[in-house]
């Protein structure tokens, strides 16, 4: 984690507002990384369920995954279109496996 913070300070701003922005970014970074990891884990788990043929459990977990994806898009961890594409692909995969 220290390595990530060090790379942020390679650029040293001159303006006071830029210095504050750098501090804010350094403070927000761990939370953003945590949210991004939660998103990846949720998507990975649902894809495993679908691939494994566990459609019933995947269908139960789908609203929770949608919630994580939408929250990530809302807090701009990922872009809105990326969120929609993820949701679409997960749904398509589930429908394909379940034979709809």
C-alpha atoms as a PDB file:
ATOM      1  CA  UNK A   1       0.000   0.000   0.000  1.00  0.00           C
ATOM      2  CA  UNK A   2       2.877   2.358   0.736  1.00  0.00           C
ATOM      3  CA  UNK A   3       4.102   1.908  -2.808  1.00  0.00           C
ATOM      4  CA  UNK A   4       0.793   3.214  -4.198  1.00  0.00           C
ATOM      5  CA  UNK A   5       0.965   6.345  -2.068  1.00  0.00           C
ATOM      6  CA  UNK A   6       4.573   7.013  -3.029  1.00  0.00           C
ATOM      7  CA  UNK A   7       3.740   6.982  -6.723  1.00  0.00           C
ATOM      8  CA  UNK A   8       1.141   9.704  -6.106  1.00  0.00           C
ATOM      9  CA  UNK A   9       3.795  12.081  -4.801  1.00  0.00           C
ATOM     10  CA  UNK A  10       6.182  11.813  -7.739  1.00  0.00           C
ATOM     11  CA  UNK A  11       4.474  14.919  -9.059  1.00  0.00           C
ATOM     12  CA  UNK A  12       4.702  17.768  -6.568  1.00  0.00           C
ATOM     13  CA  UNK A  13       2.229  20.539  -7.352  1.00  0.00           C
ATOM     14  CA  UNK A  14       3.095  24.211  -7.018  1.00  0.00           C
ATOM     15  CA  UNK A  15      -0.331  25.733  -6.439  1.00  0.00           C
ATOM     16  CA  UNK A  16      -2.020  25.451  -3.057  1.00  0.00           C
ATOM     17  CA  UNK A  17      -5.243  24.150  -4.579  1.00  0.00           C
ATOM     18  CA  UNK A  18      -3.322  21.474  -6.488  1.00  0.00           C
ATOM     19  CA  UNK A  19      -1.575  20.413  -3.270  1.00  0.00           C
ATOM     20  CA  UNK A  20      -4.920  20.067  -1.529  1.00  0.00           C
ATOM     21  CA  UNK A  21      -6.298  18.076  -4.464  1.00  0.00           C
ATOM     22  CA  UNK A  22      -3.323  15.715  -4.181  1.00  0.00           C
ATOM     23  CA  UNK A  23      -4.005  15.207  -0.456  1.00  0.00           C
ATOM     24  CA  UNK A  24      -7.683  14.545  -1.162  1.00  0.00           C
ATOM     25  CA  UNK A  25      -6.805  12.046  -3.867  1.00  0.00           C
ATOM     26  CA  UNK A  26      -4.378  10.228  -1.583  1.00  0.00           C
ATOM     27  CA  UNK A  27      -7.048  10.042   1.121  1.00  0.00           C
ATOM     28  CA  UNK A  28      -9.777   8.773  -1.232  1.00  0.00           C
ATOM     29  CA  UNK A  29      -7.612   6.222  -3.028  1.00  0.00           C
ATOM     30  CA  UNK A  30      -7.840   3.365  -0.467  1.00  0.00           C
ATOM     31  CA  UNK A  31     -11.648   3.643  -0.311  1.00  0.00           C
ATOM     32  CA  UNK A  32     -11.901   3.693  -4.100  1.00  0.00           C
ATOM     33  CA  UNK A  33      -9.635   0.661  -4.393  1.00  0.00           C
ATOM     34  CA  UNK A  34     -11.755  -1.186  -1.831  1.00  0.00           C
ATOM     35  CA  UNK A  35     -14.959  -0.402  -3.745  1.00  0.00           C
ATOM     36  CA  UNK A  36     -13.356  -1.493  -7.007  1.00  0.00           C
ATOM     37  CA  UNK A  37     -12.230  -4.776  -5.437  1.00  0.00           C
ATOM     38  CA  UNK A  38     -15.744  -5.420  -4.088  1.00  0.00           C
ATOM     39  CA  UNK A  39     -17.114  -4.850  -7.586  1.00  0.00           C
ATOM     40  CA  UNK A  40     -14.628  -7.248  -9.153  1.00  0.00           C
ATOM     41  CA  UNK A  41     -15.324  -9.902  -6.525  1.00  0.00           C
ATOM     42  CA  UNK A  42     -19.105  -9.642  -6.941  1.00  0.00           C
ATOM     43  CA  UNK A  43     -18.917  -9.895 -10.735  1.00  0.00           C
ATOM     44  CA  UNK A  44     -16.405 -12.740 -10.569  1.00  0.00           C
ATOM     45  CA  UNK A  45     -18.548 -14.711  -8.118  1.00  0.00           C
ATOM     46  CA  UNK A  46     -21.737 -14.394 -10.168  1.00  0.00           C
ATOM     47  CA  UNK A  47     -19.877 -15.384 -13.335  1.00  0.00           C
ATOM     48  CA  UNK A  48     -18.543 -18.473 -11.551  1.00  0.00           C
ATOM     49  CA  UNK A  49     -22.050 -19.393 -10.434  1.00  0.00           C
ATOM     50  CA  UNK A  50     -23.397 -19.042 -13.958  1.00  0.00           C
ATOM     51  CA  UNK A  51     -20.525 -21.004 -15.473  1.00  0.00           C
ATOM     52  CA  UNK A  52     -20.879 -23.701 -12.823  1.00  0.00           C
ATOM     53  CA  UNK A  53     -24.555 -24.167 -13.661  1.00  0.00           C
ATOM     54  CA  UNK A  54     -25.825 -22.853 -10.327  1.00  0.00           C
ATOM     55  CA  UNK A  55     -28.523 -20.687 -11.906  1.00  0.00           C
ATOM     56  CA  UNK A  56     -30.838 -20.653  -8.887  1.00  0.00           C
ATOM     57  CA  UNK A  57     -28.208 -19.206  -6.559  1.00  0.00           C
ATOM     58  CA  UNK A  58     -27.028 -16.816  -9.262  1.00  0.00           C
ATOM     59  CA  UNK A  59     -30.589 -15.548  -9.718  1.00  0.00           C
ATOM     60  CA  UNK A  60     -30.823 -14.875  -5.962  1.00  0.00           C
ATOM     61  CA  UNK A  61     -27.487 -13.048  -5.943  1.00  0.00           C
ATOM     62  CA  UNK A  62     -28.206 -10.999  -9.079  1.00  0.00           C
ATOM     63  CA  UNK A  63     -29.958  -8.036  -7.342  1.00  0.00           C
ATOM     64  CA  UNK A  64     -27.033  -7.695  -4.946  1.00  0.00           C
ATOM     65  CA  UNK A  65     -24.551  -7.672  -7.821  1.00  0.00           C
ATOM     66  CA  UNK A  66     -26.657  -5.080  -9.640  1.00  0.00           C
ATOM     67  CA  UNK A  67     -26.596  -2.956  -6.481  1.00  0.00           C
ATOM     68  CA  UNK A  68     -22.791  -3.134  -6.247  1.00  0.00           C
ATOM     69  CA  UNK A  69     -22.438  -2.284  -9.950  1.00  0.00           C
ATOM     70  CA  UNK A  70     -24.861   0.647  -9.734  1.00  0.00           C
ATOM     71  CA  UNK A  71     -23.185   2.051  -6.610  1.00  0.00           C
ATOM     72  CA  UNK A  72     -19.803   1.818  -8.319  1.00  0.00           C
ATOM     73  CA  UNK A  73     -21.162   3.730 -11.294  1.00  0.00           C
ATOM     74  CA  UNK A  74     -22.801   6.314  -9.047  1.00  0.00           C
ATOM     75  CA  UNK A  75     -19.559   7.000  -7.199  1.00  0.00           C
ATOM     76  CA  UNK A  76     -17.708   7.038 -10.549  1.00  0.00           C
ATOM     77  CA  UNK A  77     -15.540   4.014  -9.793  1.00  0.00           C
ATOM     78  CA  UNK A  78     -16.637   2.801 -13.231  1.00  0.00           C
ATOM     79  CA  UNK A  79     -18.456   4.647 -15.987  1.00  0.00           C
ATOM     80  CA  UNK A  80     -22.213   4.412 -16.415  1.00  0.00           C
ATOM     81  CA  UNK A  81     -22.008   2.627 -19.744  1.00  0.00           C
ATOM     82  CA  UNK A  82     -19.515   0.123 -18.335  1.00  0.00           C
ATOM     83  CA  UNK A  83     -21.968  -0.651 -15.532  1.00  0.00           C
ATOM     84  CA  UNK A  84     -24.791  -1.177 -18.013  1.00  0.00           C
ATOM     85  CA  UNK A  85     -22.584  -3.392 -20.168  1.00  0.00           C
ATOM     86  CA  UNK A  86     -21.586  -5.527 -17.165  1.00  0.00           C
ATOM     87  CA  UNK A  87     -25.203  -5.980 -16.105  1.00  0.00           C
ATOM     88  CA  UNK A  88     -26.243  -6.822 -19.643  1.00  0.00           C
ATOM     89  CA  UNK A  89     -23.531  -9.427 -20.132  1.00  0.00           C
ATOM     90  CA  UNK A  90     -24.259 -11.088 -16.801  1.00  0.00           C
ATOM     91  CA  UNK A  91     -27.971 -11.260 -17.617  1.00  0.00           C
ATOM     92  CA  UNK A  92     -27.290 -12.612 -21.110  1.00  0.00           C
ATOM     93  CA  UNK A  93     -25.034 -15.307 -19.685  1.00  0.00           C
ATOM     94  CA  UNK A  94     -27.660 -16.301 -17.134  1.00  0.00           C
ATOM     95  CA  UNK A  95     -30.400 -16.462 -19.751  1.00  0.00           C
ATOM     96  CA  UNK A  96     -28.192 -18.485 -22.067  1.00  0.00           C
ATOM     97  CA  UNK A  97     -27.408 -21.024 -19.317  1.00  0.00           C
ATOM     98  CA  UNK A  98     -31.008 -21.276 -18.139  1.00  0.00           C
ATOM     99  CA  UNK A  99     -32.248 -21.709 -21.725  1.00  0.00           C
ATOM    100  CA  UNK A 100     -34.418 -18.596 -21.989  1.00  0.00           C
END
